[in-house]
Amino acid sequence: MANKIASLNAMQMKRSNSRRRETAKTEKIKRRPLPKRGQVKYRIAALARNAIRAAVAKATKTYRSRTSRKAV
């Protein structure tokens, strides 16, 4: 029973930490200065690239191995 409670607490903490990280990331993006005209397309391309890379990493074993190491 204690294990079940501990695992539930760990899951809840993990969820709140990830939520906090997400909000921090969006706040960081909001604080950036407005880009000059030529920079916009490069920034959009970089955001898309990072999103694709993150999605690929999440779908493959690299993501799982990285997260399992953090938990240990």
PDB file of N, CA and C in Angstrom:
ATOM      1  N   MET A   1       0.826  -1.198   0.000  1.00  0.00           N
ATOM      2  CA  MET A   1       0.000   0.000   0.000  1.00  0.00           C
ATOM      3  C   MET A   1       0.871   1.263   0.000  1.00  0.00           C
ATOM      4  N   ALA A   2       1.940   1.203   0.793  1.00  0.00           N
ATOM      5  CA  ALA A   2       2.837   2.359   0.863  1.00  0.00           C
ATOM      6  C   ALA A   2       3.487   2.621  -0.493  1.00  0.00           C
ATOM      7  N   ASN A   3       3.815   1.535  -1.207  1.00  0.00           N
ATOM      8  CA  ASN A   3       4.406   1.692  -2.536  1.00  0.00           C
ATOM      9  C   ASN A   3       3.446   2.374  -3.489  1.00  0.00           C
ATOM     10  N   LYS A   4       2.183   2.002  -3.399  1.00  0.00           N
ATOM     11  CA  LYS A   4       1.168   2.585  -4.274  1.00  0.00           C
ATOM     12  C   LYS A   4       1.050   4.085  -4.020  1.00  0.00           C
ATOM     13  N   ILE A   5       1.038   4.460  -2.752  1.00  0.00           N
ATOM     14  CA  ILE A   5       0.941   5.876  -2.384  1.00  0.00           C
ATOM     15  C   ILE A   5       2.177   6.626  -2.850  1.00  0.00           C
ATOM     16  N   ALA A   6       3.348   6.027  -2.651  1.00  0.00           N
ATOM     17  CA  ALA A   6       4.595   6.671  -3.065  1.00  0.00           C
ATOM     18  C   ALA A   6       4.624   6.865  -4.576  1.00  0.00           C
ATOM     19  N   SER A   7       4.170   5.857  -5.322  1.00  0.00           N
ATOM     20  CA  SER A   7       4.181   5.980  -6.779  1.00  0.00           C
ATOM     21  C   SER A   7       3.192   7.040  -7.243  1.00  0.00           C
ATOM     22  N   LEU A   8       2.035   7.121  -6.579  1.00  0.00           N
ATOM     23  CA  LEU A   8       1.064   8.163  -6.929  1.00  0.00           C
ATOM     24  C   LEU A   8       1.637   9.548  -6.660  1.00  0.00           C
ATOM     25  N   ASN A   9       2.321   9.692  -5.524  1.00  0.00           N
ATOM     26  CA  ASN A   9       2.952  10.975  -5.207  1.00  0.00           C
ATOM     27  C   ASN A   9       4.015  11.333  -6.232  1.00  0.00           C
ATOM     28  N   ALA A  10       4.803  10.351  -6.638  1.00  0.00           N
ATOM     29  CA  ALA A  10       5.858  10.597  -7.624  1.00  0.00           C
ATOM     30  C   ALA A  10       5.261  11.015  -8.959  1.00  0.00           C
ATOM     31  N   MET A  11       4.179  10.348  -9.367  1.00  0.00           N
ATOM     32  CA  MET A  11       3.528  10.712 -10.628  1.00  0.00           C
ATOM     33  C   MET A  11       2.989  12.133 -10.572  1.00  0.00           C
ATOM     34  N   GLN A  12       2.402  12.494  -9.443  1.00  0.00           N
ATOM     35  CA  GLN A  12       1.842  13.835  -9.289  1.00  0.00           C
ATOM     36  C   GLN A  12       2.948  14.883  -9.350  1.00  0.00           C
ATOM     37  N   MET A  13       4.071  14.614  -8.677  1.00  0.00           N
ATOM     38  CA  MET A  13       5.194  15.552  -8.700  1.00  0.00           C
ATOM     39  C   MET A  13       5.743  15.706 -10.107  1.00  0.00           C
ATOM     40  N   LYS A  14       5.870  14.584 -10.814  1.00  0.00           N
ATOM     41  CA  LYS A  14       6.388  14.614 -12.180  1.00  0.00           C
ATOM     42  C   LYS A  14       5.483  15.460 -13.068  1.00  0.00           C
ATOM     43  N   ARG A  15       4.172  15.281 -12.895  1.00  0.00           N
ATOM     44  CA  ARG A  15       3.203  16.030 -13.692  1.00  0.00           C
ATOM     45  C   ARG A  15       3.316  17.527 -13.409  1.00  0.00           C
ATOM     46  N   SER A  16       3.412  17.899 -12.126  1.00  0.00           N
ATOM     47  CA  SER A  16       3.471  19.318 -11.777  1.00  0.00           C
ATOM     48  C   SER A  16       4.789  19.928 -12.236  1.00  0.00           C
ATOM     49  N   ASN A  17       5.879  19.157 -12.154  1.00  0.00           N
ATOM     50  CA  ASN A  17       7.167  19.665 -12.621  1.00  0.00           C
ATOM     51  C   ASN A  17       7.147  19.921 -14.111  1.00  0.00           C
ATOM     52  N   SER A  18       6.558  19.002 -14.877  1.00  0.00           N
ATOM     53  CA  SER A  18       6.519  19.187 -16.326  1.00  0.00           C
ATOM     54  C   SER A  18       5.641  20.382 -16.676  1.00  0.00           C
ATOM     55  N   ARG A  19       4.551  20.565 -15.933  1.00  0.00           N
ATOM     56  CA  ARG A  19       3.675  21.710 -16.184  1.00  0.00           C
ATOM     57  C   ARG A  19       4.423  23.008 -15.894  1.00  0.00           C
ATOM     58  N   ARG A  20       5.186  23.019 -14.803  1.00  0.00           N
ATOM     59  CA  ARG A  20       5.957  24.207 -14.430  1.00  0.00           C
ATOM     60  C   ARG A  20       7.001  24.523 -15.499  1.00  0.00           C
ATOM     61  N   ARG A  21       7.638  23.457 -16.014  1.00  0.00           N
ATOM     62  CA  ARG A  21       8.648  23.628 -17.053  1.00  0.00           C
ATOM     63  C   ARG A  21       8.033  24.220 -18.322  1.00  0.00           C
ATOM     64  N   GLU A  22       6.843  23.730 -18.678  1.00  0.00           N
ATOM     65  CA  GLU A  22       6.153  24.231 -19.869  1.00  0.00           C
ATOM     66  C   GLU A  22       5.814  25.708 -19.720  1.00  0.00           C
ATOM     67  N   THR A  23       5.285  26.100 -18.555  1.00  0.00           N
ATOM     68  CA  THR A  23       4.919  27.502 -18.366  1.00  0.00           C
ATOM     69  C   THR A  23       6.163  28.376 -18.365  1.00  0.00           C
ATOM     70  N   ALA A  24       7.251  27.888 -17.790  1.00  0.00           N
ATOM     71  CA  ALA A  24       8.500  28.657 -17.790  1.00  0.00           C
ATOM     72  C   ALA A  24       8.992  28.861 -19.215  1.00  0.00           C
ATOM     73  N   LYS A  25       8.847  27.822 -20.039  1.00  0.00           N
ATOM     74  CA  LYS A  25       9.289  27.910 -21.426  1.00  0.00           C
ATOM     75  C   LYS A  25       8.479  28.954 -22.188  1.00  0.00           C
ATOM     76  N   THR A  26       7.163  28.952 -21.991  1.00  0.00           N
ATOM     77  CA  THR A  26       6.323  29.920 -22.703  1.00  0.00           C
ATOM     78  C   THR A  26       6.606  31.333 -22.217  1.00  0.00           C
ATOM     79  N   GLU A  27       6.847  31.488 -20.919  1.00  0.00           N
ATOM     80  CA  GLU A  27       7.180  32.811 -20.390  1.00  0.00           C
ATOM     81  C   GLU A  27       8.489  33.311 -20.989  1.00  0.00           C
ATOM     82  N   LYS A  28       9.446  32.418 -21.124  1.00  0.00           N
ATOM     83  CA  LYS A  28      10.740  32.783 -21.690  1.00  0.00           C
ATOM     84  C   LYS A  28      10.572  33.259 -23.128  1.00  0.00           C
ATOM     85  N   ILE A  29       9.718  32.565 -23.893  1.00  0.00           N
ATOM     86  CA  ILE A  29       9.474  32.951 -25.280  1.00  0.00           C
ATOM     87  C   ILE A  29       8.785  34.310 -25.333  1.00  0.00           C
ATOM     88  N   LYS A  30       7.852  34.558 -24.419  1.00  0.00           N
ATOM     89  CA  LYS A  30       7.133  35.837 -24.406  1.00  0.00           C
ATOM     90  C   LYS A  30       8.067  37.004 -24.103  1.00  0.00           C
ATOM     91  N   ARG A  31       9.092  36.773 -23.299  1.00  0.00           N
ATOM     92  CA  ARG A  31      10.005  37.848 -22.895  1.00  0.00           C
ATOM     93  C   ARG A  31      10.995  38.241 -23.979  1.00  0.00           C
ATOM     94  N   ARG A  32      11.110  37.418 -25.020  1.00  0.00           N
ATOM     95  CA  ARG A  32      12.077  37.728 -26.074  1.00  0.00           C
ATOM     96  C   ARG A  32      11.734  39.043 -26.759  1.00  0.00           C
ATOM     97  N   PRO A  33      12.757  39.768 -27.217  1.00  0.00           N
ATOM     98  CA  PRO A  33      12.470  41.001 -27.949  1.00  0.00           C
ATOM     99  C   PRO A  33      11.840  40.678 -29.303  1.00  0.00           C
ATOM    100  N   LEU A  34      11.135  41.648 -29.858  1.00  0.00           N
ATOM    101  CA  LEU A  34      10.532  41.443 -31.174  1.00  0.00           C
ATOM    102  C   LEU A  34      11.639  41.299 -32.213  1.00  0.00           C
ATOM    103  N   PRO A  35      11.540  40.312 -33.060  1.00  0.00           N
ATOM    104  CA  PRO A  35      12.598  40.094 -34.043  1.00  0.00           C
ATOM    105  C   PRO A  35      12.545  41.110 -35.177  1.00  0.00           C
ATOM    106  N   LYS A  36      13.686  41.322 -35.787  1.00  0.00           N
ATOM    107  CA  LYS A  36      13.738  42.184 -36.967  1.00  0.00           C
ATOM    108  C   LYS A  36      13.161  41.410 -38.142  1.00  0.00           C
ATOM    109  N   ARG A  37      12.888  42.093 -39.231  1.00  0.00           N
ATOM    110  CA  ARG A  37      12.134  41.488 -40.337  1.00  0.00           C
ATOM    111  C   ARG A  37      12.727  40.187 -40.865  1.00  0.00           C
ATOM    112  N   GLY A  38      14.022  40.154 -41.060  1.00  0.00           N
ATOM    113  CA  GLY A  38      14.643  38.974 -41.650  1.00  0.00           C
ATOM    114  C   GLY A  38      14.716  37.777 -40.711  1.00  0.00           C
ATOM    115  N   GLN A  39      14.632  38.040 -39.415  1.00  0.00           N
ATOM    116  CA  GLN A  39      14.814  36.965 -38.433  1.00  0.00           C
ATOM    117  C   GLN A  39      13.586  36.085 -38.256  1.00  0.00           C
ATOM    118  N   VAL A  40      12.415  36.611 -38.618  1.00  0.00           N
ATOM    119  CA  VAL A  40      11.166  35.922 -38.291  1.00  0.00           C
ATOM    120  C   VAL A  40      11.116  34.526 -38.886  1.00  0.00           C
ATOM    121  N   LYS A  41      11.395  34.420 -40.180  1.00  0.00           N
ATOM    122  CA  LYS A  41      11.276  33.107 -40.833  1.00  0.00           C
ATOM    123  C   LYS A  41      12.285  32.118 -40.265  1.00  0.00           C
ATOM    124  N   TYR A  42      13.468  32.601 -39.888  1.00  0.00           N
ATOM    125  CA  TYR A  42      14.470  31.694 -39.325  1.00  0.00           C
ATOM    126  C   TYR A  42      14.033  31.198 -37.950  1.00  0.00           C
ATOM    127  N   ARG A  43      13.439  32.094 -37.173  1.00  0.00           N
ATOM    128  CA  ARG A  43      12.968  31.692 -35.843  1.00  0.00           C
ATOM    129  C   ARG A  43      11.827  30.691 -35.955  1.00  0.00           C
ATOM    130  N   ILE A  44      10.901  30.937 -36.892  1.00  0.00           N
ATOM    131  CA  ILE A  44       9.791  29.997 -37.094  1.00  0.00           C
ATOM    132  C   ILE A  44      10.335  28.646 -37.531  1.00  0.00           C
ATOM    133  N   ALA A  45      11.312  28.674 -38.437  1.00  0.00           N
ATOM    134  CA  ALA A  45      11.916  27.423 -38.912  1.00  0.00           C
ATOM    135  C   ALA A  45      12.597  26.689 -37.760  1.00  0.00           C
ATOM    136  N   ALA A  46      13.282  27.433 -36.898  1.00  0.00           N
ATOM    137  CA  ALA A  46      13.977  26.816 -35.766  1.00  0.00           C
ATOM    138  C   ALA A  46      12.976  26.192 -34.794  1.00  0.00           C
ATOM    139  N   LEU A  47      11.877  26.890 -34.535  1.00  0.00           N
ATOM    140  CA  LEU A  47      10.855  26.347 -33.634  1.00  0.00           C
ATOM    141  C   LEU A  47      10.260  25.069 -34.207  1.00  0.00           C
ATOM    142  N   ALA A  48       9.993  25.082 -35.513  1.00  0.00           N
ATOM    143  CA  ALA A  48       9.437  23.886 -36.156  1.00  0.00           C
ATOM    144  C   ALA A  48      10.433  22.741 -36.093  1.00  0.00           C
ATOM    145  N   ARG A  49      11.708  23.049 -36.359  1.00  0.00           N
ATOM    146  CA  ARG A  49      12.760  22.026 -36.321  1.00  0.00           C
ATOM    147  C   ARG A  49      12.853  21.404 -34.931  1.00  0.00           C
ATOM    148  N   ASN A  50      12.849  22.261 -33.915  1.00  0.00           N
ATOM    149  CA  ASN A  50      12.946  21.760 -32.538  1.00  0.00           C
ATOM    150  C   ASN A  50      11.739  20.912 -32.167  1.00  0.00           C
ATOM    151  N   ALA A  51      10.558  21.338 -32.612  1.00  0.00           N
ATOM    152  CA  ALA A  51       9.347  20.577 -32.307  1.00  0.00           C
ATOM    153  C   ALA A  51       9.390  19.205 -32.973  1.00  0.00           C
ATOM    154  N   ILE A  52       9.842  19.173 -34.221  1.00  0.00           N
ATOM    155  CA  ILE A  52       9.946  17.896 -34.942  1.00  0.00           C
ATOM    156  C   ILE A  52      10.971  17.003 -34.264  1.00  0.00           C
ATOM    157  N   ARG A  53      12.107  17.575 -33.904  1.00  0.00           N
ATOM    158  CA  ARG A  53      13.166  16.799 -33.255  1.00  0.00           C
ATOM    159  C   ARG A  53      12.673  16.215 -31.932  1.00  0.00           C
ATOM    160  N   ALA A  54      11.941  17.024 -31.169  1.00  0.00           N
ATOM    161  CA  ALA A  54      11.411  16.555 -29.886  1.00  0.00           C
ATOM    162  C   ALA A  54      10.399  15.433 -30.094  1.00  0.00           C
ATOM    163  N   ALA A  55       9.560  15.578 -31.120  1.00  0.00           N
ATOM    164  CA  ALA A  55       8.553  14.547 -31.390  1.00  0.00           C
ATOM    165  C   ALA A  55       9.215  13.242 -31.804  1.00  0.00           C
ATOM    166  N   VAL A  56      10.259  13.345 -32.622  1.00  0.00           N
ATOM    167  CA  VAL A  56      10.974  12.146 -33.067  1.00  0.00           C
ATOM    168  C   VAL A  56      11.663  11.480 -31.878  1.00  0.00           C
ATOM    169  N   ALA A  57      12.304  12.290 -31.041  1.00  0.00           N
ATOM    170  CA  ALA A  57      12.996  11.742 -29.872  1.00  0.00           C
ATOM    171  C   ALA A  57      12.006  11.061 -28.933  1.00  0.00           C
ATOM    172  N   LYS A  58      10.826  11.656 -28.800  1.00  0.00           N
ATOM    173  CA  LYS A  58       9.820  11.088 -27.911  1.00  0.00           C
ATOM    174  C   LYS A  58       9.306   9.756 -28.450  1.00  0.00           C
ATOM    175  N   ALA A  59       9.229   9.645 -29.772  1.00  0.00           N
ATOM    176  CA  ALA A  59       8.702   8.430 -30.387  1.00  0.00           C
ATOM    177  C   ALA A  59       9.730   7.305 -30.429  1.00  0.00           C
ATOM    178  N   THR A  60      10.997   7.641 -30.274  1.00  0.00           N
ATOM    179  CA  THR A  60      12.043   6.617 -30.357  1.00  0.00           C
ATOM    180  C   THR A  60      12.559   6.266 -28.974  1.00  0.00           C
ATOM    181  N   LYS A  61      13.521   5.362 -28.954  1.00  0.00           N
ATOM    182  CA  LYS A  61      14.052   4.882 -27.676  1.00  0.00           C
ATOM    183  C   LYS A  61      14.901   5.924 -26.971  1.00  0.00           C
ATOM    184  N   THR A  62      15.456   6.898 -27.700  1.00  0.00           N
ATOM    185  CA  THR A  62      16.344   7.875 -27.069  1.00  0.00           C
ATOM    186  C   THR A  62      15.617   8.636 -25.974  1.00  0.00           C
ATOM    187  N   TYR A  63      14.350   8.948 -26.220  1.00  0.00           N
ATOM    188  CA  TYR A  63      13.580   9.679 -25.216  1.00  0.00           C
ATOM    189  C   TYR A  63      13.389   8.825 -23.973  1.00  0.00           C
ATOM    190  N   ARG A  64      12.999   7.569 -24.196  1.00  0.00           N
ATOM    191  CA  ARG A  64      12.730   6.686 -23.066  1.00  0.00           C
ATOM    192  C   ARG A  64      13.986   6.438 -22.244  1.00  0.00           C
ATOM    193  N   SER A  65      15.110   6.245 -22.911  1.00  0.00           N
ATOM    194  CA  SER A  65      16.339   5.966 -22.170  1.00  0.00           C
ATOM    195  C   SER A  65      16.779   7.201 -21.389  1.00  0.00           C
ATOM    196  N   ARG A  66      16.542   8.391 -21.961  1.00  0.00           N
ATOM    197  CA  ARG A  66      16.919   9.618 -21.278  1.00  0.00           C
ATOM    198  C   ARG A  66      16.058   9.824 -20.038  1.00  0.00           C
ATOM    199  N   THR A  67      14.765   9.565 -20.144  1.00  0.00           N
ATOM    200  CA  THR A  67      13.880   9.790 -19.002  1.00  0.00           C
ATOM    201  C   THR A  67      14.093   8.748 -17.920  1.00  0.00           C
ATOM    202  N   SER A  68      14.394   7.508 -18.308  1.00  0.00           N
ATOM    203  CA  SER A  68      14.583   6.470 -17.296  1.00  0.00           C
ATOM    204  C   SER A  68      15.840   6.737 -16.479  1.00  0.00           C
ATOM    205  N   ARG A  69      16.844   7.341 -17.111  1.00  0.00           N
ATOM    206  CA  ARG A  69      18.065   7.669 -16.378  1.00  0.00           C
ATOM    207  C   ARG A  69      17.801   8.734 -15.326  1.00  0.00           C
ATOM    208  N   LYS A  70      16.942   9.703 -15.643  1.00  0.00           N
ATOM    209  CA  LYS A  70      16.636  10.758 -14.686  1.00  0.00           C
ATOM    210  C   LYS A  70      15.919  10.202 -13.464  1.00  0.00           C
ATOM    211  N   ALA A  71      15.057   9.218 -13.680  1.00  0.00           N
ATOM    212  CA  ALA A  71      14.257   8.673 -12.585  1.00  0.00           C
ATOM    213  C   ALA A  71      15.118   7.905 -11.588  1.00  0.00           C
ATOM    214  N   VAL A  72      16.225   7.331 -12.055  1.00  0.00           N
ATOM    215  CA  VAL A  72      17.073   6.508 -11.179  1.00  0.00           C
ATOM    216  C   VAL A  72      17.932   7.380 -10.304  1.00  0.00           C
TER     217      VAL A  72
END
